[in-house]
Amino acid sequence: MNVLVLHSHPVEESYGKALYKQTLESLQKAGHAVDACDLYAEQFDPVLSREDRLIYHDYPANTDLVKPYVERLKQAEGLVLVTPIWNFGFPAILKGYFDRVWLPGVSFDLVDGKVESRLRHIRKLAAVLTYGATPFRAFAAGNPPKKIVKRVLRAQINPLRPVTFLAHYDMNNCTADTRARFLEKVKTAMERF
């Protein structure tokens, strides 16, 4: 299976980067063809410009500025997000990726005012997330990233398929042991993806 792995952490020597590397390695070990998309390393421009917005609904012209990313998404049969959660949301670069790449005609069509998915070719979805917050604080805040992954993205891809959701909470108080255990959990999950 061709798996697109989206990564959005700017620090090269970080736990987030270690999770990304482990994800790539484990998916490859499982026999998947991996498209490693490190948004910071690729210098992805997350800004939805005035021009982008004016042609937002004009497929295929709306894809001109992000065509390579659109093609990568169209080739994906699996999608894995590896990202930190900042202020109970995705980093701006990942949010910008969704705004600029998941366009009408690419990820969905509007038919008689209703959204119809164009991402049914993606058969599997996973997220590997790190939170500074505890599970309770994330729950109390509504845990928007978890809802986006398990509800919004899942609905766009296939609402009937399970989602692999892995989160290391309370990174502000993590230890070498908690990080090692979570890294092992990611390794196992991605080898079974």
N, C-alpha and C. Protein backbone atom coordinates (compact mmCIF):
# COMPACT_ATOMS: atom_id res chain seq x y z
N MET A 1 0.84 -1.17 0.00
CA MET A 1 0.00 0.00 0.00
C MET A 1 0.89 1.24 0.00
N ASN A 2 0.49 2.28 -0.72
CA ASN A 2 1.20 3.56 -0.75
C ASN A 2 0.67 4.42 0.39
N VAL A 3 1.53 4.74 1.36
CA VAL A 3 1.12 5.48 2.55
C VAL A 3 1.76 6.86 2.54
N LEU A 4 0.93 7.90 2.60
CA LEU A 4 1.39 9.27 2.72
C LEU A 4 1.50 9.60 4.21
N VAL A 5 2.71 9.96 4.65
CA VAL A 5 2.95 10.32 6.05
C VAL A 5 3.21 11.81 6.11
N LEU A 6 2.29 12.55 6.75
CA LEU A 6 2.42 14.00 6.91
C LEU A 6 3.05 14.32 8.26
N HIS A 7 4.15 15.05 8.22
CA HIS A 7 4.85 15.41 9.45
C HIS A 7 4.94 16.92 9.56
N SER A 8 4.71 17.44 10.79
CA SER A 8 4.75 18.89 10.95
C SER A 8 5.39 19.28 12.28
N HIS A 9 6.68 19.03 12.38
CA HIS A 9 7.44 19.50 13.55
C HIS A 9 8.71 20.14 13.03
N PRO A 10 8.99 21.38 13.47
CA PRO A 10 10.12 22.13 12.89
C PRO A 10 11.50 21.77 13.42
N VAL A 11 11.60 21.02 14.51
CA VAL A 11 12.90 20.76 15.13
C VAL A 11 13.43 19.40 14.70
N GLU A 12 14.62 19.40 14.11
CA GLU A 12 15.21 18.18 13.56
C GLU A 12 15.52 17.15 14.64
N GLU A 13 16.08 17.57 15.76
CA GLU A 13 16.46 16.64 16.83
C GLU A 13 15.44 16.77 17.96
N SER A 14 14.29 16.16 17.76
CA SER A 14 13.22 16.25 18.75
C SER A 14 12.54 14.90 18.88
N TYR A 15 11.74 14.78 19.91
CA TYR A 15 10.95 13.56 20.08
C TYR A 15 9.95 13.41 18.93
N GLY A 16 9.39 14.53 18.49
CA GLY A 16 8.46 14.50 17.34
C GLY A 16 9.13 13.94 16.10
N LYS A 17 10.38 14.32 15.88
CA LYS A 17 11.12 13.79 14.72
C LYS A 17 11.42 12.31 14.90
N ALA A 18 11.69 11.89 16.15
CA ALA A 18 11.93 10.47 16.42
C ALA A 18 10.66 9.66 16.14
N LEU A 19 9.51 10.19 16.49
CA LEU A 19 8.24 9.51 16.19
C LEU A 19 8.03 9.39 14.68
N TYR A 20 8.34 10.44 13.97
CA TYR A 20 8.23 10.44 12.51
C TYR A 20 9.13 9.38 11.90
N LYS A 21 10.40 9.35 12.33
CA LYS A 21 11.35 8.37 11.80
C LYS A 21 10.90 6.94 12.12
N GLN A 22 10.39 6.74 13.33
CA GLN A 22 9.91 5.40 13.71
C GLN A 22 8.70 5.00 12.87
N THR A 23 7.82 5.95 12.62
CA THR A 23 6.65 5.69 11.79
C THR A 23 7.07 5.26 10.39
N LEU A 24 7.98 6.01 9.79
CA LEU A 24 8.46 5.67 8.44
C LEU A 24 9.11 4.29 8.41
N GLU A 25 9.99 4.05 9.37
CA GLU A 25 10.72 2.78 9.43
C GLU A 25 9.76 1.60 9.60
N SER A 26 8.80 1.73 10.49
CA SER A 26 7.86 0.62 10.75
C SER A 26 6.93 0.37 9.58
N LEU A 27 6.48 1.42 8.92
CA LEU A 27 5.62 1.24 7.73
C LEU A 27 6.41 0.55 6.62
N GLN A 28 7.66 0.95 6.43
CA GLN A 28 8.49 0.31 5.40
C GLN A 28 8.75 -1.15 5.75
N LYS A 29 9.00 -1.42 7.02
CA LYS A 29 9.23 -2.80 7.46
C LYS A 29 8.00 -3.67 7.18
N ALA A 30 6.82 -3.05 7.27
CA ALA A 30 5.57 -3.78 7.01
C ALA A 30 5.31 -3.96 5.51
N GLY A 31 6.19 -3.40 4.68
CA GLY A 31 6.07 -3.61 3.24
C GLY A 31 5.35 -2.51 2.48
N HIS A 32 5.06 -1.40 3.16
CA HIS A 32 4.37 -0.30 2.50
C HIS A 32 5.35 0.58 1.72
N ALA A 33 4.88 1.15 0.63
CA ALA A 33 5.62 2.21 -0.07
C ALA A 33 5.27 3.50 0.65
N VAL A 34 6.27 4.19 1.17
CA VAL A 34 6.03 5.35 2.02
C VAL A 34 6.41 6.64 1.31
N ASP A 35 5.49 7.57 1.29
CA ASP A 35 5.73 8.92 0.80
C ASP A 35 5.89 9.82 2.03
N ALA A 36 7.12 10.12 2.38
CA ALA A 36 7.42 10.91 3.58
C ALA A 36 7.32 12.39 3.26
N CYS A 37 6.30 13.04 3.79
CA CYS A 37 6.05 14.45 3.52
C CYS A 37 6.28 15.25 4.80
N ASP A 38 7.50 15.76 4.95
CA ASP A 38 7.87 16.59 6.08
C ASP A 38 7.62 18.04 5.66
N LEU A 39 6.51 18.59 6.10
CA LEU A 39 6.08 19.90 5.61
C LEU A 39 7.09 21.01 5.88
N TYR A 40 7.75 20.99 7.03
CA TYR A 40 8.77 22.01 7.30
C TYR A 40 9.99 21.81 6.41
N ALA A 41 10.47 20.59 6.30
CA ALA A 41 11.65 20.33 5.47
C ALA A 41 11.39 20.69 4.01
N GLU A 42 10.15 20.49 3.56
CA GLU A 42 9.80 20.80 2.18
C GLU A 42 9.43 22.27 2.01
N GLN A 43 9.45 23.03 3.09
CA GLN A 43 9.10 24.45 3.08
C GLN A 43 7.73 24.70 2.46
N PHE A 44 6.77 23.88 2.87
CA PHE A 44 5.39 24.05 2.39
C PHE A 44 4.86 25.41 2.83
N ASP A 45 4.23 26.13 1.92
CA ASP A 45 3.65 27.44 2.23
C ASP A 45 2.20 27.22 2.68
N PRO A 46 1.90 27.43 3.96
CA PRO A 46 0.56 27.15 4.47
C PRO A 46 -0.45 28.27 4.27
N VAL A 47 -0.02 29.40 3.71
CA VAL A 47 -0.90 30.57 3.63
C VAL A 47 -1.87 30.44 2.46
N LEU A 48 -3.15 30.45 2.79
CA LEU A 48 -4.20 30.49 1.77
C LEU A 48 -4.31 31.94 1.32
N SER A 49 -3.76 32.24 0.16
CA SER A 49 -3.70 33.62 -0.32
C SER A 49 -5.05 34.08 -0.86
N ARG A 50 -5.14 35.36 -1.14
CA ARG A 50 -6.34 35.92 -1.75
C ARG A 50 -6.64 35.20 -3.07
N GLU A 51 -5.61 35.00 -3.89
CA GLU A 51 -5.79 34.31 -5.17
C GLU A 51 -6.29 32.88 -4.96
N ASP A 52 -5.69 32.18 -3.98
CA ASP A 52 -6.14 30.82 -3.66
C ASP A 52 -7.64 30.81 -3.36
N ARG A 53 -8.06 31.78 -2.55
CA ARG A 53 -9.47 31.80 -2.13
C ARG A 53 -10.39 32.15 -3.29
N LEU A 54 -9.95 33.06 -4.17
CA LEU A 54 -10.79 33.44 -5.31
C LEU A 54 -11.04 32.28 -6.26
N ILE A 55 -10.07 31.36 -6.39
CA ILE A 55 -10.25 30.22 -7.31
C ILE A 55 -10.52 28.92 -6.55
N TYR A 56 -10.83 29.02 -5.27
CA TYR A 56 -10.99 27.85 -4.40
C TYR A 56 -11.90 26.79 -5.00
N HIS A 57 -13.01 27.17 -5.59
CA HIS A 57 -13.98 26.22 -6.13
C HIS A 57 -13.77 25.89 -7.61
N ASP A 58 -12.75 26.45 -8.23
CA ASP A 58 -12.53 26.28 -9.67
C ASP A 58 -11.54 25.15 -9.95
N TYR A 59 -12.02 23.91 -9.92
CA TYR A 59 -11.17 22.76 -10.19
C TYR A 59 -11.01 22.62 -11.70
N PRO A 60 -9.83 22.38 -12.24
CA PRO A 60 -8.56 22.07 -11.60
C PRO A 60 -7.65 23.29 -11.38
N ALA A 61 -8.10 24.51 -11.75
CA ALA A 61 -7.25 25.70 -11.57
C ALA A 61 -6.87 25.89 -10.11
N ASN A 62 -7.73 25.46 -9.18
CA ASN A 62 -7.44 25.63 -7.76
C ASN A 62 -6.24 24.81 -7.29
N THR A 63 -5.81 23.86 -8.09
CA THR A 63 -4.68 23.00 -7.70
C THR A 63 -3.33 23.48 -8.25
N ASP A 64 -3.34 24.49 -9.09
CA ASP A 64 -2.11 24.90 -9.78
C ASP A 64 -0.94 25.17 -8.84
N LEU A 65 -1.18 25.85 -7.73
CA LEU A 65 -0.08 26.23 -6.83
C LEU A 65 0.36 25.11 -5.90
N VAL A 66 -0.41 24.04 -5.82
CA VAL A 66 -0.09 22.93 -4.92
C VAL A 66 -0.14 21.58 -5.63
N LYS A 67 0.01 21.59 -6.93
CA LYS A 67 -0.15 20.39 -7.74
C LYS A 67 0.65 19.18 -7.25
N PRO A 68 1.94 19.32 -6.89
CA PRO A 68 2.68 18.14 -6.42
C PRO A 68 2.04 17.51 -5.17
N TYR A 69 1.53 18.33 -4.28
CA TYR A 69 0.90 17.83 -3.05
C TYR A 69 -0.44 17.16 -3.36
N VAL A 70 -1.16 17.70 -4.33
CA VAL A 70 -2.42 17.10 -4.76
C VAL A 70 -2.16 15.72 -5.35
N GLU A 71 -1.14 15.61 -6.19
CA GLU A 71 -0.82 14.32 -6.81
C GLU A 71 -0.43 13.29 -5.76
N ARG A 72 0.32 13.71 -4.76
CA ARG A 72 0.72 12.79 -3.69
C ARG A 72 -0.51 12.30 -2.92
N LEU A 73 -1.44 13.19 -2.64
CA LEU A 73 -2.67 12.81 -1.94
C LEU A 73 -3.49 11.85 -2.78
N LYS A 74 -3.56 12.09 -4.07
CA LYS A 74 -4.33 11.21 -4.97
C LYS A 74 -3.73 9.81 -5.06
N GLN A 75 -2.41 9.70 -4.87
CA GLN A 75 -1.74 8.40 -4.94
C GLN A 75 -1.84 7.60 -3.64
N ALA A 76 -2.21 8.27 -2.56
CA ALA A 76 -2.20 7.63 -1.24
C ALA A 76 -3.33 6.62 -1.08
N GLU A 77 -2.97 5.48 -0.49
CA GLU A 77 -3.97 4.48 -0.09
C GLU A 77 -4.08 4.42 1.42
N GLY A 78 -3.10 5.02 2.09
CA GLY A 78 -3.09 5.16 3.54
C GLY A 78 -2.60 6.55 3.88
N LEU A 79 -3.05 7.08 5.03
CA LEU A 79 -2.64 8.41 5.46
C LEU A 79 -2.31 8.36 6.95
N VAL A 80 -1.12 8.87 7.29
CA VAL A 80 -0.69 8.92 8.69
C VAL A 80 -0.24 10.34 9.00
N LEU A 81 -0.80 10.93 10.05
CA LEU A 81 -0.37 12.24 10.53
C LEU A 81 0.57 12.03 11.71
N VAL A 82 1.72 12.68 11.70
CA VAL A 82 2.65 12.64 12.83
C VAL A 82 2.91 14.10 13.18
N THR A 83 2.34 14.54 14.31
CA THR A 83 2.40 15.96 14.61
C THR A 83 2.24 16.26 16.09
N PRO A 84 2.85 17.34 16.54
CA PRO A 84 2.55 17.80 17.89
C PRO A 84 1.20 18.53 17.87
N ILE A 85 0.61 18.64 19.03
CA ILE A 85 -0.61 19.43 19.19
C ILE A 85 -0.23 20.66 20.00
N TRP A 86 -0.50 21.82 19.43
CA TRP A 86 -0.16 23.08 20.08
C TRP A 86 -1.45 23.86 20.35
N ASN A 87 -1.68 24.23 21.59
CA ASN A 87 -2.88 24.98 21.96
C ASN A 87 -4.14 24.28 21.48
N PHE A 88 -4.18 22.98 21.66
CA PHE A 88 -5.31 22.12 21.30
C PHE A 88 -5.65 22.17 19.81
N GLY A 89 -4.62 22.38 18.98
CA GLY A 89 -4.83 22.39 17.53
C GLY A 89 -3.59 21.92 16.81
N PHE A 90 -3.75 21.71 15.50
CA PHE A 90 -2.61 21.34 14.67
C PHE A 90 -1.71 22.55 14.46
N PRO A 91 -0.42 22.34 14.26
CA PRO A 91 0.45 23.46 13.88
C PRO A 91 -0.09 24.13 12.60
N ALA A 92 0.16 25.42 12.48
CA ALA A 92 -0.38 26.19 11.35
C ALA A 92 -0.01 25.59 10.00
N ILE A 93 1.20 25.03 9.91
CA ILE A 93 1.63 24.48 8.62
C ILE A 93 0.76 23.28 8.21
N LEU A 94 0.34 22.46 9.16
CA LEU A 94 -0.53 21.33 8.84
C LEU A 94 -1.95 21.80 8.54
N LYS A 95 -2.44 22.75 9.32
CA LYS A 95 -3.77 23.32 9.03
C LYS A 95 -3.77 23.93 7.64
N GLY A 96 -2.69 24.65 7.32
CA GLY A 96 -2.58 25.25 5.98
C GLY A 96 -2.52 24.21 4.88
N TYR A 97 -1.89 23.07 5.16
CA TYR A 97 -1.87 21.96 4.19
C TYR A 97 -3.30 21.53 3.88
N PHE A 98 -4.10 21.32 4.92
CA PHE A 98 -5.50 20.91 4.69
C PHE A 98 -6.27 21.98 3.92
N ASP A 99 -6.06 23.25 4.27
CA ASP A 99 -6.77 24.34 3.60
C ASP A 99 -6.38 24.47 2.13
N ARG A 100 -5.10 24.26 1.83
CA ARG A 100 -4.62 24.51 0.47
C ARG A 100 -4.62 23.28 -0.43
N VAL A 101 -4.59 22.07 0.15
CA VAL A 101 -4.48 20.86 -0.67
C VAL A 101 -5.80 20.08 -0.72
N TRP A 102 -6.53 20.02 0.37
CA TRP A 102 -7.80 19.28 0.40
C TRP A 102 -8.90 20.16 -0.17
N LEU A 103 -8.86 20.34 -1.47
CA LEU A 103 -9.68 21.30 -2.19
C LEU A 103 -10.91 20.66 -2.82
N PRO A 104 -11.89 21.48 -3.21
CA PRO A 104 -12.98 20.97 -4.03
C PRO A 104 -12.40 20.36 -5.31
N GLY A 105 -12.89 19.19 -5.68
CA GLY A 105 -12.37 18.48 -6.84
C GLY A 105 -11.23 17.55 -6.49
N VAL A 106 -10.60 17.76 -5.31
CA VAL A 106 -9.50 16.92 -4.86
C VAL A 106 -9.97 16.01 -3.74
N SER A 107 -10.40 16.60 -2.65
CA SER A 107 -10.84 15.78 -1.51
C SER A 107 -12.35 15.68 -1.41
N PHE A 108 -13.06 16.58 -2.06
CA PHE A 108 -14.52 16.52 -2.04
C PHE A 108 -15.10 17.27 -3.23
N ASP A 109 -16.36 16.98 -3.50
CA ASP A 109 -17.16 17.72 -4.47
C ASP A 109 -18.42 18.19 -3.77
N LEU A 110 -18.94 19.31 -4.21
CA LEU A 110 -20.25 19.77 -3.73
C LEU A 110 -21.27 19.40 -4.79
N VAL A 111 -22.21 18.53 -4.44
CA VAL A 111 -23.24 18.07 -5.36
C VAL A 111 -24.59 18.41 -4.73
N ASP A 112 -25.31 19.31 -5.38
CA ASP A 112 -26.60 19.77 -4.85
C ASP A 112 -26.47 20.24 -3.40
N GLY A 113 -25.39 20.95 -3.11
CA GLY A 113 -25.17 21.50 -1.78
C GLY A 113 -24.68 20.52 -0.74
N LYS A 114 -24.42 19.28 -1.15
CA LYS A 114 -23.94 18.26 -0.22
C LYS A 114 -22.50 17.87 -0.58
N VAL A 115 -21.72 17.58 0.47
CA VAL A 115 -20.32 17.20 0.27
C VAL A 115 -20.25 15.71 -0.07
N GLU A 116 -19.53 15.41 -1.16
CA GLU A 116 -19.25 14.02 -1.54
C GLU A 116 -17.74 13.84 -1.55
N SER A 117 -17.27 12.83 -0.83
CA SER A 117 -15.83 12.59 -0.72
C SER A 117 -15.23 12.13 -2.03
N ARG A 118 -14.00 12.56 -2.24
CA ARG A 118 -13.19 12.07 -3.36
C ARG A 118 -11.95 11.36 -2.83
N LEU A 119 -11.98 11.00 -1.54
CA LEU A 119 -10.82 10.35 -0.93
C LEU A 119 -11.09 8.89 -0.57
N ARG A 120 -12.03 8.27 -1.20
CA ARG A 120 -12.37 6.88 -0.88
C ARG A 120 -11.25 5.91 -1.25
N HIS A 121 -10.27 6.37 -2.05
CA HIS A 121 -9.12 5.52 -2.38
C HIS A 121 -8.20 5.32 -1.18
N ILE A 122 -8.33 6.18 -0.16
CA ILE A 122 -7.54 6.01 1.06
C ILE A 122 -8.26 5.01 1.95
N ARG A 123 -7.59 3.90 2.22
CA ARG A 123 -8.22 2.80 2.94
C ARG A 123 -7.91 2.80 4.43
N LYS A 124 -6.81 3.46 4.83
CA LYS A 124 -6.43 3.45 6.24
C LYS A 124 -6.00 4.84 6.68
N LEU A 125 -6.30 5.15 7.94
CA LEU A 125 -5.98 6.45 8.52
C LEU A 125 -5.41 6.24 9.92
N ALA A 126 -4.33 6.98 10.22
CA ALA A 126 -3.74 6.92 11.55
C ALA A 126 -3.22 8.30 11.93
N ALA A 127 -3.11 8.52 13.24
CA ALA A 127 -2.52 9.75 13.76
C ALA A 127 -1.61 9.40 14.93
N VAL A 128 -0.43 10.02 14.93
CA VAL A 128 0.54 9.89 16.01
C VAL A 128 0.76 11.30 16.54
N LEU A 129 0.19 11.59 17.71
CA LEU A 129 0.16 12.96 18.22
C LEU A 129 0.83 13.07 19.58
N THR A 130 1.39 14.24 19.85
CA THR A 130 1.92 14.55 21.18
C THR A 130 1.22 15.81 21.69
N TYR A 131 0.82 15.76 22.96
CA TYR A 131 0.13 16.87 23.61
C TYR A 131 0.94 17.32 24.82
N GLY A 132 1.00 18.60 25.08
CA GLY A 132 1.53 19.08 26.33
C GLY A 132 0.53 18.85 27.46
N ALA A 133 -0.73 18.84 27.12
CA ALA A 133 -1.81 18.70 28.10
C ALA A 133 -1.97 17.26 28.57
N THR A 134 -2.56 17.13 29.74
CA THR A 134 -2.94 15.82 30.26
C THR A 134 -4.18 15.34 29.49
N PRO A 135 -4.50 14.05 29.56
CA PRO A 135 -5.73 13.58 28.91
C PRO A 135 -6.97 14.32 29.43
N PHE A 136 -7.01 14.61 30.73
CA PHE A 136 -8.18 15.29 31.28
C PHE A 136 -8.30 16.71 30.72
N ARG A 137 -7.18 17.46 30.67
CA ARG A 137 -7.24 18.82 30.12
C ARG A 137 -7.65 18.79 28.65
N ALA A 138 -7.13 17.83 27.90
CA ALA A 138 -7.54 17.71 26.49
C ALA A 138 -9.02 17.40 26.39
N PHE A 139 -9.51 16.50 27.23
CA PHE A 139 -10.94 16.16 27.27
C PHE A 139 -11.77 17.39 27.64
N ALA A 140 -11.34 18.13 28.66
CA ALA A 140 -12.08 19.30 29.11
C ALA A 140 -12.15 20.38 28.03
N ALA A 141 -11.12 20.44 27.19
CA ALA A 141 -11.10 21.40 26.09
C ALA A 141 -11.83 20.88 24.86
N GLY A 142 -12.37 19.66 24.94
CA GLY A 142 -13.08 19.08 23.80
C GLY A 142 -12.20 18.27 22.86
N ASN A 143 -10.89 18.30 23.08
CA ASN A 143 -9.91 17.57 22.27
C ASN A 143 -10.18 17.71 20.77
N PRO A 144 -10.15 18.95 20.24
CA PRO A 144 -10.42 19.15 18.82
C PRO A 144 -9.57 18.30 17.88
N PRO A 145 -8.25 18.12 18.10
CA PRO A 145 -7.48 17.30 17.15
C PRO A 145 -8.00 15.87 17.05
N LYS A 146 -8.36 15.28 18.19
CA LYS A 146 -8.88 13.91 18.17
C LYS A 146 -10.19 13.86 17.39
N LYS A 147 -11.04 14.84 17.57
CA LYS A 147 -12.31 14.87 16.83
C LYS A 147 -12.08 15.07 15.34
N ILE A 148 -11.11 15.91 15.00
CA ILE A 148 -10.82 16.12 13.57
C ILE A 148 -10.36 14.82 12.93
N VAL A 149 -9.47 14.10 13.60
CA VAL A 149 -8.96 12.84 13.05
C VAL A 149 -10.06 11.78 13.01
N LYS A 150 -10.72 11.56 14.15
CA LYS A 150 -11.65 10.43 14.27
C LYS A 150 -13.03 10.70 13.68
N ARG A 151 -13.35 11.96 13.45
CA ARG A 151 -14.66 12.28 12.88
C ARG A 151 -14.56 12.92 11.50
N VAL A 152 -13.86 14.05 11.40
CA VAL A 152 -13.84 14.81 10.15
C VAL A 152 -13.03 14.09 9.07
N LEU A 153 -11.76 13.78 9.35
CA LEU A 153 -10.94 13.11 8.34
C LEU A 153 -11.48 11.72 8.03
N ARG A 154 -11.89 11.02 9.07
CA ARG A 154 -12.45 9.68 8.88
C ARG A 154 -13.68 9.74 7.97
N ALA A 155 -14.56 10.72 8.18
CA ALA A 155 -15.76 10.85 7.35
C ALA A 155 -15.40 11.14 5.90
N GLN A 156 -14.36 11.94 5.69
CA GLN A 156 -13.96 12.26 4.32
C GLN A 156 -13.33 11.07 3.62
N ILE A 157 -12.68 10.20 4.39
CA ILE A 157 -12.00 9.05 3.81
C ILE A 157 -12.96 7.86 3.73
N ASN A 158 -13.41 7.40 4.86
CA ASN A 158 -14.40 6.31 4.90
C ASN A 158 -14.91 6.22 6.34
N PRO A 159 -16.14 6.65 6.58
CA PRO A 159 -16.66 6.69 7.95
C PRO A 159 -16.83 5.32 8.60
N LEU A 160 -16.76 4.26 7.82
CA LEU A 160 -16.96 2.93 8.38
C LEU A 160 -15.66 2.23 8.77
N ARG A 161 -14.54 2.80 8.41
CA ARG A 161 -13.25 2.17 8.71
C ARG A 161 -12.72 2.63 10.06
N PRO A 162 -12.02 1.73 10.75
CA PRO A 162 -11.40 2.15 12.03
C PRO A 162 -10.23 3.10 11.79
N VAL A 163 -9.92 3.87 12.81
CA VAL A 163 -8.81 4.82 12.78
C VAL A 163 -7.82 4.43 13.87
N THR A 164 -6.53 4.44 13.54
CA THR A 164 -5.50 4.22 14.55
C THR A 164 -5.16 5.59 15.13
N PHE A 165 -5.48 5.79 16.40
CA PHE A 165 -5.23 7.07 17.06
C PHE A 165 -4.28 6.84 18.23
N LEU A 166 -3.08 7.39 18.13
CA LEU A 166 -2.06 7.23 19.17
C LEU A 166 -1.67 8.61 19.68
N ALA A 167 -1.76 8.79 20.99
CA ALA A 167 -1.42 10.10 21.56
C ALA A 167 -0.60 9.94 22.82
N HIS A 168 0.50 10.68 22.88
CA HIS A 168 1.28 10.78 24.11
C HIS A 168 0.88 12.11 24.75
N TYR A 169 0.10 12.02 25.81
CA TYR A 169 -0.35 13.21 26.54
C TYR A 169 0.69 13.59 27.59
N ASP A 170 0.55 14.80 28.10
CA ASP A 170 1.35 15.32 29.21
C ASP A 170 2.85 15.31 28.91
N MET A 171 3.19 15.73 27.70
CA MET A 171 4.60 15.81 27.32
C MET A 171 5.37 16.78 28.23
N ASN A 172 4.65 17.71 28.87
CA ASN A 172 5.31 18.65 29.78
C ASN A 172 5.89 17.94 31.00
N ASN A 173 5.41 16.74 31.29
CA ASN A 173 5.90 15.98 32.44
C ASN A 173 6.34 14.57 32.04
N CYS A 174 6.71 14.39 30.78
CA CYS A 174 7.09 13.05 30.32
C CYS A 174 8.46 12.66 30.88
N THR A 175 8.74 11.38 30.77
CA THR A 175 10.03 10.85 31.20
C THR A 175 10.62 10.04 30.05
N ALA A 176 11.86 9.66 30.19
CA ALA A 176 12.49 8.80 29.18
C ALA A 176 11.70 7.51 29.04
N ASP A 177 11.14 7.01 30.14
CA ASP A 177 10.36 5.78 30.11
C ASP A 177 9.04 5.96 29.36
N THR A 178 8.31 7.04 29.62
CA THR A 178 7.02 7.25 28.92
C THR A 178 7.26 7.45 27.43
N ARG A 179 8.34 8.16 27.10
CA ARG A 179 8.64 8.37 25.68
C ARG A 179 9.02 7.06 25.00
N ALA A 180 9.81 6.24 25.66
CA ALA A 180 10.23 4.95 25.09
C ALA A 180 9.02 4.03 24.90
N ARG A 181 8.12 4.00 25.89
CA ARG A 181 6.93 3.14 25.78
C ARG A 181 6.03 3.60 24.64
N PHE A 182 5.88 4.91 24.48
CA PHE A 182 5.03 5.40 23.38
C PHE A 182 5.68 5.13 22.03
N LEU A 183 6.99 5.29 21.94
CA LEU A 183 7.71 5.00 20.70
C LEU A 183 7.52 3.53 20.31
N GLU A 184 7.54 2.64 21.28
CA GLU A 184 7.32 1.22 21.04
C GLU A 184 5.88 0.96 20.58
N LYS A 185 4.95 1.68 21.17
CA LYS A 185 3.53 1.56 20.78
C LYS A 185 3.35 1.99 19.32
N VAL A 186 4.02 3.07 18.93
CA VAL A 186 3.96 3.55 17.55
C VAL A 186 4.58 2.51 16.62
N LYS A 187 5.73 1.98 17.00
CA LYS A 187 6.41 0.95 16.20
C LYS A 187 5.47 -0.22 15.92
N THR A 188 4.85 -0.74 16.96
CA THR A 188 3.95 -1.89 16.83
C THR A 188 2.75 -1.56 15.96
N ALA A 189 2.13 -0.41 16.21
CA ALA A 189 0.93 -0.02 15.44
C ALA A 189 1.23 0.17 13.98
N MET A 190 2.36 0.80 13.66
CA MET A 190 2.68 1.07 12.25
C MET A 190 3.10 -0.22 11.54
N GLU A 191 3.70 -1.17 12.25
CA GLU A 191 4.03 -2.44 11.63
C GLU A 191 2.77 -3.24 11.32
N ARG A 192 1.66 -2.93 11.98
CA ARG A 192 0.38 -3.61 11.74
C ARG A 192 -0.56 -2.79 10.85
N PHE A 193 -0.15 -1.62 10.44
CA PHE A 193 -1.00 -0.69 9.67
C PHE A 193 -1.40 -1.28 8.34
